[in-house]
C-alpha atoms as a PDB file:
ATOM      1  CA  MET A   1       4.983 -50.338 -38.974  1.00  0.00           C
ATOM      2  CA  PRO A   2       3.639 -49.712 -35.036  1.00  0.00           C
ATOM      3  CA  ASN A   3       2.327 -46.850 -34.087  1.00  0.00           C
ATOM      4  CA  ILE A   4       3.523 -47.120 -30.904  1.00  0.00           C
ATOM      5  CA  LYS A   5       6.163 -45.008 -29.770  1.00  0.00           C
ATOM      6  CA  SER A   6       7.607 -46.973 -27.409  1.00  0.00           C
ATOM      7  CA  GLN A   7       7.045 -50.221 -29.675  1.00  0.00           C
ATOM      8  CA  ILE A   8       9.192 -48.262 -32.888  1.00  0.00           C
ATOM      9  CA  LYS A   9      12.494 -47.534 -30.113  1.00  0.00           C
ATOM     10  CA  ARG A  10      12.036 -51.453 -29.092  1.00  0.00           C
ATOM     11  CA  ASP A  11      11.812 -52.762 -32.656  1.00  0.00           C
ATOM     12  CA  GLN A  12      15.097 -50.535 -33.239  1.00  0.00           C
ATOM     13  CA  THR A  13      17.126 -52.253 -30.159  1.00  0.00           C
ATOM     14  CA  ASN A  14      16.198 -55.239 -31.286  1.00  0.00           C
ATOM     15  CA  LYS A  15      17.544 -55.315 -34.764  1.00  0.00           C
ATOM     16  CA  ALA A  16      20.457 -54.027 -33.219  1.00  0.00           C
ATOM     17  CA  ALA A  17      20.762 -56.561 -30.629  1.00  0.00           C
ATOM     18  CA  ASN A  18      19.850 -59.340 -33.245  1.00  0.00           C
ATOM     19  CA  LEU A  19      22.801 -57.988 -35.171  1.00  0.00           C
ATOM     20  CA  ALA A  20      25.395 -58.122 -32.476  1.00  0.00           C
ATOM     21  CA  ASN A  21      24.177 -61.673 -31.384  1.00  0.00           C
ATOM     22  CA  ASN A  22      24.698 -62.547 -34.864  1.00  0.00           C
ATOM     23  CA  SER A  23      28.390 -61.510 -35.350  1.00  0.00           C
ATOM     24  CA  ILE A  24      29.242 -63.730 -32.050  1.00  0.00           C
ATOM     25  CA  LYS A  25      27.176 -66.993 -33.158  1.00  0.00           C
ATOM     26  CA  SER A  26      28.759 -66.504 -36.408  1.00  0.00           C
ATOM     27  CA  GLU A  27      32.670 -65.973 -34.374  1.00  0.00           C
ATOM     28  CA  LEU A  28      31.650 -69.689 -32.630  1.00  0.00           C
ATOM     29  CA  ARG A  29      30.248 -71.744 -35.755  1.00  0.00           C
ATOM     30  CA  THR A  30      33.571 -70.694 -37.443  1.00  0.00           C
ATOM     31  CA  ALA A  31      35.902 -71.660 -34.189  1.00  0.00           C
ATOM     32  CA  ILE A  32      34.032 -74.811 -33.863  1.00  0.00           C
ATOM     33  CA  LYS A  33      34.023 -75.870 -37.619  1.00  0.00           C
ATOM     34  CA  LYS A  34      37.857 -75.028 -36.962  1.00  0.00           C
ATOM     35  CA  VAL A  35      38.317 -77.648 -34.531  1.00  0.00           C
ATOM     36  CA  GLU A  36      36.462 -80.212 -36.827  1.00  0.00           C
ATOM     37  CA  ALA A  37      38.950 -79.483 -39.471  1.00  0.00           C
ATOM     38  CA  LEU A  38      42.004 -79.858 -37.424  1.00  0.00           C
ATOM     39  CA  VAL A  39      40.249 -82.974 -35.783  1.00  0.00           C
ATOM     40  CA  LYS A  40      40.236 -84.787 -39.561  1.00  0.00           C
ATOM     41  CA  GLU A  41      43.463 -83.789 -40.103  1.00  0.00           C
ATOM     42  CA  GLY A  42      44.448 -85.527 -37.125  1.00  0.00           C
ATOM     43  CA  LYS A  43      46.539 -82.462 -35.834  1.00  0.00           C
ATOM     44  CA  LYS A  44      45.173 -82.770 -31.854  1.00  0.00           C
ATOM     45  CA  GLU A  45      47.536 -80.587 -30.127  1.00  0.00           C
ATOM     46  CA  GLU A  46      46.396 -77.765 -32.876  1.00  0.00           C
ATOM     47  CA  ALA A  47      42.679 -79.177 -31.909  1.00  0.00           C
ATOM     48  CA  GLU A  48      42.813 -78.376 -28.317  1.00  0.00           C
ATOM     49  CA  ASN A  49      44.407 -75.130 -28.650  1.00  0.00           C
ATOM     50  CA  ALA A  50      41.584 -74.291 -31.128  1.00  0.00           C
ATOM     51  CA  LYS A  51      39.175 -75.836 -28.612  1.00  0.00           C
ATOM     52  CA  ALA A  52      40.323 -73.673 -25.857  1.00  0.00           C
ATOM     53  CA  GLN A  53      40.030 -70.431 -28.318  1.00  0.00           C
ATOM     54  CA  VAL A  54      36.141 -71.649 -28.524  1.00  0.00           C
ATOM     55  CA  ALA A  55      35.876 -72.446 -24.713  1.00  0.00           C
ATOM     56  CA  ALA A  56      37.188 -68.792 -24.259  1.00  0.00           C
ATOM     57  CA  LEU A  57      34.333 -67.507 -26.836  1.00  0.00           C
ATOM     58  CA  LYS A  58      31.534 -69.421 -24.464  1.00  0.00           C
ATOM     59  CA  ALA A  59      32.976 -67.977 -21.579  1.00  0.00           C
ATOM     60  CA  ASP A  60      32.598 -64.810 -22.728  1.00  0.00           C
ATOM     61  CA  GLY A  61      30.091 -64.285 -20.596  1.00  0.00           C
ATOM     62  CA  LYS A  62      26.285 -63.675 -20.162  1.00  0.00           C
ATOM     63  CA  ALA A  63      25.830 -62.680 -23.756  1.00  0.00           C
ATOM     64  CA  LEU A  64      26.323 -66.299 -25.562  1.00  0.00           C
ATOM     65  CA  GLU A  65      24.010 -67.929 -22.359  1.00  0.00           C
ATOM     66  CA  GLU A  66      21.339 -65.817 -23.250  1.00  0.00           C
ATOM     67  CA  ILE A  67      21.634 -66.102 -26.897  1.00  0.00           C
ATOM     68  CA  MET A  68      21.731 -69.771 -27.096  1.00  0.00           C
ATOM     69  CA  GLU A  69      19.490 -72.513 -26.322  1.00  0.00           C
ATOM     70  CA  LYS A  70      20.326 -75.228 -23.912  1.00  0.00           C
ATOM     71  CA  ALA A  71      20.222 -77.903 -26.907  1.00  0.00           C
ATOM     72  CA  GLN A  72      22.481 -75.627 -28.663  1.00  0.00           C
ATOM     73  CA  LYS A  73      25.075 -75.249 -26.220  1.00  0.00           C
ATOM     74  CA  ASP A  74      25.186 -79.401 -25.676  1.00  0.00           C
ATOM     75  CA  MET A  75      25.267 -79.717 -29.384  1.00  0.00           C
ATOM     76  CA  THR A  76      27.981 -78.021 -29.427  1.00  0.00           C
ATOM     77  CA  ASN A  77      29.938 -79.539 -26.429  1.00  0.00           C
ATOM     78  CA  GLU A  78      29.355 -82.758 -28.474  1.00  0.00           C
ATOM     79  CA  LEU A  79      30.781 -81.111 -31.550  1.00  0.00           C
ATOM     80  CA  LEU A  80      34.234 -80.445 -29.685  1.00  0.00           C
ATOM     81  CA  GLU A  81      34.610 -83.925 -28.442  1.00  0.00           C
ATOM     82  CA  ILE A  82      38.150 -84.274 -29.494  1.00  0.00           C
ATOM     83  CA  PRO A  83      38.784 -88.307 -29.734  1.00  0.00           C
ATOM     84  CA  ASN A  84      42.398 -89.805 -28.598  1.00  0.00           C
END
């Protein structure tokens, strides 16, 4: 437990931000799993629509850029490749 008042406040804001970040990452992982499942089933049109949903989440703005590392973003893009 920190003794400095500003650090106590900072810990509280960090916890709140962490919870928000976790929900965003969870949404993204769920959307990616949905795309993967549709690709395995061979439903390419539905997979494209689901991929658009993931793109919307990724384009959601600055928040996702601050949450994900570059390597994680690249891996996500690779997972979303839909074979022809």
